[in-house]
Structures are given as C-alpha cells and as structure tokens.
Amino acid sequence: MKPYIHNVKYYETDKMGIAHHSNYVRWMEEARVDFLDQIGFGYRKLEEDGIISPVIGVECEYKTPTVFDDNVEIEVKVEEFRGVRLAIRYTMRKLPGGELVMTGRSRHCFVDPNGRPIILERSFPDLANKLKELQAEE
C-alpha cells in the first residue's frame, strides 16, 4: 500500500508553533480512509453496503513534534482482524529524512446501521478476505 502524505497546516499548530496532539488522530483517520480506498473498500462503499465501522479505541505515542508545512508520511497496516473487530497500526514519519513522529493504533468494529455486529466473513467475504490477506503480510 502507498503511504498517505499529510501536509501540516498552520491552523493545526498551537501557540508553541507545533502541531497540536489532537490532530494526529485526525491524520490517522485521513490515512485510514485513504487506505480503505486503496484496497477497494472506501468508506462510501462500506456505508452504501450497510457497514458502519466505529472507532472503539485509539492509542498514540508521540516521538517528535511536527510544525507548519512539514510533510508527514503515514503508513497504515492491518495489525489484527477478527471478523467483527479490526486493529490498524500507524507509523508517521517526517519527509524528507524519515524521522519518526508518532506510532499509533486504532480499533474498530463492524456494525449494521442499527448498531448490530456484522461478521464480515459471512456477510462481506470479499472485504474479510482482503483484511485477512493484509494482516498475513505483517
């Protein structure tokens, strides 16, 4: 998968001139949406198919601050897929040079529009197989 690139905007910085820590969660979401598009199961398609994937947990470990106009490369990997639950790992690095900025993880579940769990292997085997394949690449 091709990494996602985010350019740090001025409004994302705080009084100290560095990107506010809350923005990294947003960037994780941007990268996750891009990742799903790349594998052929973008959020729009998922929602049209009746799949909702809420975030049930987020973890971030900050390593190096970013500032206005930095380019941040975000690598997204399937860490774990268990039919109803998905964990995604993120690695953010400054470009050029590759200095580590943040490592993170988000956890998701799959539910229908009424909030009932969806077991992807049964209802959406193509997506389930793709996530298993990507997990196995680790």
N, C-alpha and C. Protein backbone atom coordinates (compact mmCIF):
# COMPACT_ATOMS: atom_id res chain seq x y z
N MET A 1 0.83 -1.18 0.00
CA MET A 1 0.00 0.00 0.00
C MET A 1 0.88 1.25 0.00
N LYS A 2 0.40 2.24 -0.69
CA LYS A 2 1.12 3.50 -0.76
C LYS A 2 0.83 4.32 0.51
N PRO A 3 1.86 4.83 1.18
CA PRO A 3 1.62 5.65 2.38
C PRO A 3 0.84 6.92 2.04
N TYR A 4 0.13 7.42 3.02
CA TYR A 4 -0.62 8.67 2.90
C TYR A 4 0.30 9.81 3.31
N ILE A 5 0.25 10.93 2.62
CA ILE A 5 1.07 12.11 2.96
C ILE A 5 0.14 13.23 3.44
N HIS A 6 0.44 13.75 4.63
CA HIS A 6 -0.31 14.89 5.16
C HIS A 6 0.64 16.07 5.28
N ASN A 7 0.21 17.23 4.80
CA ASN A 7 0.97 18.47 4.96
C ASN A 7 0.38 19.22 6.14
N VAL A 8 1.22 19.52 7.13
CA VAL A 8 0.76 20.19 8.35
C VAL A 8 0.33 21.62 8.02
N LYS A 9 -0.91 21.92 8.36
CA LYS A 9 -1.48 23.24 8.11
C LYS A 9 -1.19 24.19 9.28
N TYR A 10 -1.17 25.46 8.99
CA TYR A 10 -0.90 26.46 10.02
C TYR A 10 -1.92 26.37 11.16
N TYR A 11 -3.20 26.20 10.80
CA TYR A 11 -4.25 26.16 11.83
C TYR A 11 -4.15 24.92 12.72
N GLU A 12 -3.34 23.94 12.34
CA GLU A 12 -3.17 22.74 13.16
C GLU A 12 -2.11 22.93 14.24
N THR A 13 -1.44 24.07 14.23
CA THR A 13 -0.39 24.33 15.21
C THR A 13 -0.94 25.10 16.40
N ASP A 14 -0.22 25.01 17.51
CA ASP A 14 -0.63 25.69 18.73
C ASP A 14 0.25 26.92 18.99
N LYS A 15 0.12 27.50 20.15
CA LYS A 15 0.86 28.72 20.49
C LYS A 15 2.37 28.51 20.44
N MET A 16 2.81 27.26 20.63
CA MET A 16 4.24 26.96 20.59
C MET A 16 4.74 26.73 19.17
N GLY A 17 3.81 26.76 18.19
CA GLY A 17 4.19 26.57 16.80
C GLY A 17 4.30 25.12 16.35
N ILE A 18 3.87 24.20 17.20
CA ILE A 18 3.92 22.78 16.82
C ILE A 18 2.49 22.27 16.62
N ALA A 19 2.38 21.19 15.85
CA ALA A 19 1.05 20.61 15.61
C ALA A 19 0.48 20.11 16.93
N HIS A 20 -0.76 20.50 17.20
CA HIS A 20 -1.43 20.08 18.43
C HIS A 20 -1.63 18.57 18.40
N HIS A 21 -1.47 17.94 19.57
CA HIS A 21 -1.52 16.48 19.64
C HIS A 21 -2.83 15.88 19.13
N SER A 22 -3.93 16.60 19.24
CA SER A 22 -5.23 16.06 18.81
C SER A 22 -5.30 15.86 17.30
N ASN A 23 -4.49 16.60 16.56
CA ASN A 23 -4.52 16.48 15.10
C ASN A 23 -4.04 15.11 14.61
N TYR A 24 -3.19 14.47 15.36
CA TYR A 24 -2.65 13.18 14.91
C TYR A 24 -3.75 12.13 14.77
N VAL A 25 -4.76 12.20 15.60
CA VAL A 25 -5.89 11.26 15.49
C VAL A 25 -6.65 11.56 14.20
N ARG A 26 -6.81 12.82 13.87
CA ARG A 26 -7.45 13.18 12.59
C ARG A 26 -6.64 12.66 11.41
N TRP A 27 -5.33 12.80 11.50
CA TRP A 27 -4.47 12.33 10.41
C TRP A 27 -4.54 10.81 10.28
N MET A 28 -4.66 10.13 11.41
CA MET A 28 -4.85 8.68 11.36
C MET A 28 -6.12 8.35 10.58
N GLU A 29 -7.19 9.11 10.83
CA GLU A 29 -8.43 8.87 10.11
C GLU A 29 -8.28 9.16 8.61
N GLU A 30 -7.60 10.26 8.27
CA GLU A 30 -7.36 10.56 6.86
C GLU A 30 -6.62 9.40 6.19
N ALA A 31 -5.60 8.90 6.86
CA ALA A 31 -4.79 7.81 6.31
C ALA A 31 -5.61 6.52 6.21
N ARG A 32 -6.46 6.26 7.19
CA ARG A 32 -7.32 5.06 7.17
C ARG A 32 -8.32 5.13 6.02
N VAL A 33 -8.92 6.29 5.80
CA VAL A 33 -9.86 6.46 4.68
C VAL A 33 -9.13 6.22 3.36
N ASP A 34 -7.94 6.79 3.21
CA ASP A 34 -7.14 6.59 2.01
C ASP A 34 -6.77 5.12 1.83
N PHE A 35 -6.38 4.46 2.90
CA PHE A 35 -6.02 3.04 2.88
C PHE A 35 -7.19 2.20 2.38
N LEU A 36 -8.38 2.44 2.93
CA LEU A 36 -9.56 1.68 2.52
C LEU A 36 -9.90 1.93 1.05
N ASP A 37 -9.73 3.17 0.59
CA ASP A 37 -9.92 3.47 -0.83
C ASP A 37 -8.94 2.65 -1.68
N GLN A 38 -7.68 2.60 -1.24
CA GLN A 38 -6.65 1.87 -1.99
C GLN A 38 -6.96 0.38 -2.11
N ILE A 39 -7.57 -0.20 -1.08
CA ILE A 39 -7.86 -1.64 -1.14
C ILE A 39 -9.23 -1.93 -1.76
N GLY A 40 -9.91 -0.86 -2.21
CA GLY A 40 -11.16 -1.06 -2.92
C GLY A 40 -12.41 -1.11 -2.05
N PHE A 41 -12.28 -0.72 -0.79
CA PHE A 41 -13.42 -0.74 0.13
C PHE A 41 -13.51 0.58 0.89
N GLY A 42 -13.63 1.68 0.13
CA GLY A 42 -13.71 3.01 0.73
C GLY A 42 -14.92 3.15 1.64
N TYR A 43 -14.87 4.15 2.51
CA TYR A 43 -15.96 4.36 3.47
C TYR A 43 -17.31 4.56 2.78
N ARG A 44 -17.32 5.27 1.68
CA ARG A 44 -18.58 5.49 0.97
C ARG A 44 -19.18 4.15 0.54
N LYS A 45 -18.34 3.27 -0.03
CA LYS A 45 -18.81 1.94 -0.46
C LYS A 45 -19.28 1.13 0.75
N LEU A 46 -18.50 1.16 1.83
CA LEU A 46 -18.90 0.40 3.03
C LEU A 46 -20.27 0.86 3.53
N GLU A 47 -20.45 2.16 3.62
CA GLU A 47 -21.72 2.67 4.12
C GLU A 47 -22.86 2.39 3.16
N GLU A 48 -22.60 2.44 1.86
CA GLU A 48 -23.64 2.07 0.89
C GLU A 48 -24.03 0.61 1.04
N ASP A 49 -23.07 -0.24 1.42
CA ASP A 49 -23.32 -1.66 1.64
C ASP A 49 -23.90 -1.95 3.03
N GLY A 50 -24.10 -0.89 3.84
CA GLY A 50 -24.68 -1.07 5.17
C GLY A 50 -23.68 -1.43 6.25
N ILE A 51 -22.41 -1.13 6.01
CA ILE A 51 -21.37 -1.41 7.01
C ILE A 51 -20.93 -0.10 7.66
N ILE A 52 -21.05 -0.03 8.97
CA ILE A 52 -20.57 1.11 9.74
C ILE A 52 -19.37 0.59 10.55
N SER A 53 -18.33 1.39 10.65
CA SER A 53 -17.12 0.94 11.35
C SER A 53 -16.68 1.98 12.38
N PRO A 54 -17.37 2.00 13.52
CA PRO A 54 -17.00 2.99 14.53
C PRO A 54 -15.64 2.70 15.18
N VAL A 55 -15.01 3.77 15.63
CA VAL A 55 -13.76 3.65 16.39
C VAL A 55 -14.13 3.26 17.82
N ILE A 56 -13.48 2.21 18.32
CA ILE A 56 -13.73 1.80 19.71
C ILE A 56 -12.51 2.02 20.60
N GLY A 57 -11.40 2.46 20.00
CA GLY A 57 -10.22 2.78 20.80
C GLY A 57 -9.14 3.40 19.94
N VAL A 58 -8.35 4.30 20.55
CA VAL A 58 -7.24 4.96 19.87
C VAL A 58 -6.08 5.07 20.84
N GLU A 59 -4.88 4.78 20.35
CA GLU A 59 -3.66 4.94 21.14
C GLU A 59 -2.64 5.70 20.29
N CYS A 60 -1.92 6.62 20.92
CA CYS A 60 -0.87 7.38 20.22
C CYS A 60 0.35 7.47 21.11
N GLU A 61 1.51 7.32 20.51
CA GLU A 61 2.76 7.56 21.21
C GLU A 61 3.56 8.56 20.39
N TYR A 62 3.70 9.75 20.93
CA TYR A 62 4.34 10.85 20.21
C TYR A 62 5.85 10.78 20.40
N LYS A 63 6.58 10.95 19.30
CA LYS A 63 8.04 10.83 19.32
C LYS A 63 8.73 12.16 19.04
N THR A 64 8.33 12.84 17.96
CA THR A 64 8.96 14.08 17.53
C THR A 64 7.86 15.04 17.08
N PRO A 65 7.89 16.30 17.49
CA PRO A 65 6.84 17.22 17.05
C PRO A 65 6.95 17.57 15.58
N THR A 66 5.82 17.98 15.03
CA THR A 66 5.78 18.50 13.67
C THR A 66 5.37 19.96 13.73
N VAL A 67 5.72 20.69 12.69
CA VAL A 67 5.42 22.13 12.62
C VAL A 67 4.77 22.44 11.28
N PHE A 68 4.28 23.68 11.18
CA PHE A 68 3.65 24.14 9.94
C PHE A 68 4.49 23.78 8.72
N ASP A 69 3.83 23.23 7.72
CA ASP A 69 4.36 22.89 6.41
C ASP A 69 5.22 21.64 6.38
N ASP A 70 5.36 20.93 7.50
CA ASP A 70 6.02 19.63 7.45
C ASP A 70 5.16 18.67 6.64
N ASN A 71 5.81 17.79 5.92
CA ASN A 71 5.10 16.69 5.26
C ASN A 71 5.29 15.44 6.11
N VAL A 72 4.18 14.80 6.41
CA VAL A 72 4.19 13.63 7.27
C VAL A 72 3.69 12.43 6.46
N GLU A 73 4.53 11.42 6.35
CA GLU A 73 4.15 10.18 5.67
C GLU A 73 3.53 9.24 6.71
N ILE A 74 2.36 8.72 6.38
CA ILE A 74 1.64 7.86 7.33
C ILE A 74 1.46 6.48 6.70
N GLU A 75 2.12 5.51 7.30
CA GLU A 75 2.00 4.13 6.87
C GLU A 75 0.89 3.45 7.68
N VAL A 76 0.02 2.75 6.99
CA VAL A 76 -1.12 2.09 7.63
C VAL A 76 -0.99 0.58 7.41
N LYS A 77 -1.14 -0.19 8.48
CA LYS A 77 -1.05 -1.65 8.40
C LYS A 77 -2.20 -2.28 9.17
N VAL A 78 -2.71 -3.39 8.66
CA VAL A 78 -3.70 -4.17 9.41
C VAL A 78 -2.93 -4.94 10.47
N GLU A 79 -3.18 -4.61 11.72
CA GLU A 79 -2.49 -5.29 12.82
C GLU A 79 -3.22 -6.58 13.20
N GLU A 80 -4.55 -6.49 13.25
CA GLU A 80 -5.32 -7.67 13.66
C GLU A 80 -6.73 -7.56 13.09
N PHE A 81 -7.22 -8.66 12.57
CA PHE A 81 -8.59 -8.71 12.09
C PHE A 81 -9.24 -9.97 12.65
N ARG A 82 -10.40 -9.78 13.31
CA ARG A 82 -11.09 -10.90 13.93
C ARG A 82 -12.57 -10.94 13.54
N GLY A 83 -12.88 -10.78 12.30
CA GLY A 83 -14.26 -10.94 11.84
C GLY A 83 -15.17 -9.77 12.12
N VAL A 84 -15.26 -9.39 13.39
CA VAL A 84 -16.11 -8.26 13.78
C VAL A 84 -15.25 -7.07 14.20
N ARG A 85 -14.00 -7.34 14.56
CA ARG A 85 -13.10 -6.28 15.04
C ARG A 85 -11.86 -6.18 14.18
N LEU A 86 -11.35 -4.94 14.12
CA LEU A 86 -10.18 -4.64 13.31
C LEU A 86 -9.28 -3.69 14.10
N ALA A 87 -7.98 -3.99 14.11
CA ALA A 87 -6.99 -3.08 14.69
C ALA A 87 -6.04 -2.65 13.59
N ILE A 88 -5.80 -1.35 13.52
CA ILE A 88 -4.92 -0.77 12.50
C ILE A 88 -3.77 -0.07 13.20
N ARG A 89 -2.56 -0.27 12.66
CA ARG A 89 -1.35 0.36 13.21
C ARG A 89 -0.90 1.47 12.25
N TYR A 90 -0.45 2.56 12.82
CA TYR A 90 0.00 3.73 12.05
C TYR A 90 1.44 4.07 12.44
N THR A 91 2.24 4.40 11.45
CA THR A 91 3.59 4.91 11.69
C THR A 91 3.71 6.20 10.89
N MET A 92 4.02 7.30 11.60
CA MET A 92 4.15 8.60 10.96
C MET A 92 5.62 9.02 10.98
N ARG A 93 6.09 9.49 9.81
CA ARG A 93 7.47 9.94 9.68
C ARG A 93 7.51 11.25 8.91
N LYS A 94 8.46 12.12 9.29
CA LYS A 94 8.66 13.38 8.56
C LYS A 94 9.35 13.09 7.25
N LEU A 95 8.96 13.86 6.24
CA LEU A 95 9.63 13.81 4.94
C LEU A 95 10.29 15.16 4.69
N PRO A 96 11.45 15.19 4.09
CA PRO A 96 12.30 14.03 3.80
C PRO A 96 13.02 13.57 5.06
N GLY A 97 13.68 12.48 4.99
CA GLY A 97 14.52 12.02 6.10
C GLY A 97 13.95 10.87 6.89
N GLY A 98 12.65 10.81 7.07
CA GLY A 98 12.04 9.67 7.74
C GLY A 98 12.08 9.67 9.25
N GLU A 99 12.29 10.85 9.87
CA GLU A 99 12.32 10.91 11.34
C GLU A 99 10.96 10.47 11.89
N LEU A 100 10.98 9.56 12.86
CA LEU A 100 9.76 9.03 13.45
C LEU A 100 9.03 10.12 14.24
N VAL A 101 7.76 10.32 13.91
CA VAL A 101 6.92 11.34 14.53
C VAL A 101 5.98 10.73 15.56
N MET A 102 5.30 9.65 15.18
CA MET A 102 4.31 9.05 16.05
C MET A 102 4.06 7.61 15.63
N THR A 103 3.75 6.78 16.60
CA THR A 103 3.20 5.46 16.33
C THR A 103 1.83 5.42 17.00
N GLY A 104 0.90 4.74 16.36
CA GLY A 104 -0.44 4.71 16.92
C GLY A 104 -1.20 3.48 16.48
N ARG A 105 -2.38 3.39 17.04
CA ARG A 105 -3.24 2.23 16.77
C ARG A 105 -4.68 2.69 16.93
N SER A 106 -5.54 2.20 16.04
CA SER A 106 -6.97 2.42 16.23
C SER A 106 -7.66 1.07 16.16
N ARG A 107 -8.72 0.94 16.95
CA ARG A 107 -9.50 -0.30 16.96
C ARG A 107 -10.92 0.05 16.52
N HIS A 108 -11.50 -0.85 15.73
CA HIS A 108 -12.81 -0.64 15.13
C HIS A 108 -13.63 -1.91 15.24
N CYS A 109 -14.93 -1.75 15.12
CA CYS A 109 -15.81 -2.90 14.96
C CYS A 109 -16.66 -2.65 13.74
N PHE A 110 -17.35 -3.68 13.31
CA PHE A 110 -18.22 -3.57 12.14
C PHE A 110 -19.65 -3.83 12.60
N VAL A 111 -20.53 -2.86 12.32
CA VAL A 111 -21.93 -2.98 12.70
C VAL A 111 -22.82 -2.55 11.54
N ASP A 112 -24.08 -2.96 11.63
CA ASP A 112 -25.05 -2.52 10.62
C ASP A 112 -25.60 -1.16 11.04
N PRO A 113 -26.42 -0.52 10.23
CA PRO A 113 -26.94 0.80 10.58
C PRO A 113 -27.75 0.85 11.88
N ASN A 114 -28.19 -0.32 12.36
CA ASN A 114 -28.92 -0.39 13.63
C ASN A 114 -27.99 -0.67 14.81
N GLY A 115 -26.69 -0.76 14.55
CA GLY A 115 -25.73 -0.98 15.62
C GLY A 115 -25.50 -2.44 15.97
N ARG A 116 -26.03 -3.34 15.18
CA ARG A 116 -25.82 -4.77 15.43
C ARG A 116 -24.53 -5.23 14.77
N PRO A 117 -23.74 -6.05 15.46
CA PRO A 117 -22.47 -6.52 14.89
C PRO A 117 -22.66 -7.26 13.57
N ILE A 118 -21.70 -7.05 12.68
CA ILE A 118 -21.66 -7.74 11.39
C ILE A 118 -20.42 -8.63 11.39
N ILE A 119 -20.60 -9.90 11.10
CA ILE A 119 -19.47 -10.80 10.93
C ILE A 119 -19.13 -10.78 9.44
N LEU A 120 -18.03 -10.14 9.12
CA LEU A 120 -17.69 -9.89 7.71
C LEU A 120 -17.53 -11.17 6.90
N GLU A 121 -16.98 -12.24 7.51
CA GLU A 121 -16.79 -13.48 6.76
C GLU A 121 -18.10 -13.99 6.16
N ARG A 122 -19.19 -13.79 6.87
CA ARG A 122 -20.49 -14.26 6.40
C ARG A 122 -21.15 -13.26 5.44
N SER A 123 -21.17 -12.01 5.83
CA SER A 123 -21.92 -11.00 5.08
C SER A 123 -21.13 -10.33 3.96
N PHE A 124 -19.83 -10.16 4.15
CA PHE A 124 -19.00 -9.46 3.17
C PHE A 124 -17.65 -10.17 3.04
N PRO A 125 -17.66 -11.39 2.48
CA PRO A 125 -16.43 -12.19 2.44
C PRO A 125 -15.29 -11.54 1.65
N ASP A 126 -15.59 -10.75 0.62
CA ASP A 126 -14.50 -10.12 -0.13
C ASP A 126 -13.69 -9.18 0.75
N LEU A 127 -14.37 -8.38 1.55
CA LEU A 127 -13.69 -7.47 2.47
C LEU A 127 -12.95 -8.27 3.54
N ALA A 128 -13.59 -9.27 4.10
CA ALA A 128 -12.95 -10.10 5.14
C ALA A 128 -11.68 -10.75 4.61
N ASN A 129 -11.74 -11.30 3.40
CA ASN A 129 -10.56 -11.95 2.82
C ASN A 129 -9.43 -10.95 2.57
N LYS A 130 -9.78 -9.75 2.13
CA LYS A 130 -8.76 -8.73 1.88
C LYS A 130 -8.07 -8.33 3.19
N LEU A 131 -8.86 -8.14 4.25
CA LEU A 131 -8.27 -7.78 5.55
C LEU A 131 -7.40 -8.91 6.10
N LYS A 132 -7.82 -10.16 5.92
CA LYS A 132 -7.01 -11.30 6.35
C LYS A 132 -5.69 -11.35 5.58
N GLU A 133 -5.78 -11.13 4.28
CA GLU A 133 -4.60 -11.12 3.42
C GLU A 133 -3.62 -10.04 3.88
N LEU A 134 -4.12 -8.85 4.16
CA LEU A 134 -3.25 -7.75 4.59
C LEU A 134 -2.66 -8.01 5.97
N GLN A 135 -3.42 -8.64 6.84
CA GLN A 135 -2.91 -8.99 8.16
C GLN A 135 -1.78 -10.01 8.03
N ALA A 136 -1.95 -10.97 7.13
CA ALA A 136 -0.94 -12.01 6.94
C ALA A 136 0.38 -11.45 6.40
N GLU A 137 0.33 -10.31 5.72
CA GLU A 137 1.53 -9.68 5.17
C GLU A 137 2.45 -9.15 6.26
N GLU A 138 1.94 -9.03 7.45
CA GLU A 138 2.75 -8.48 8.55
C GLU A 138 3.82 -9.44 8.96
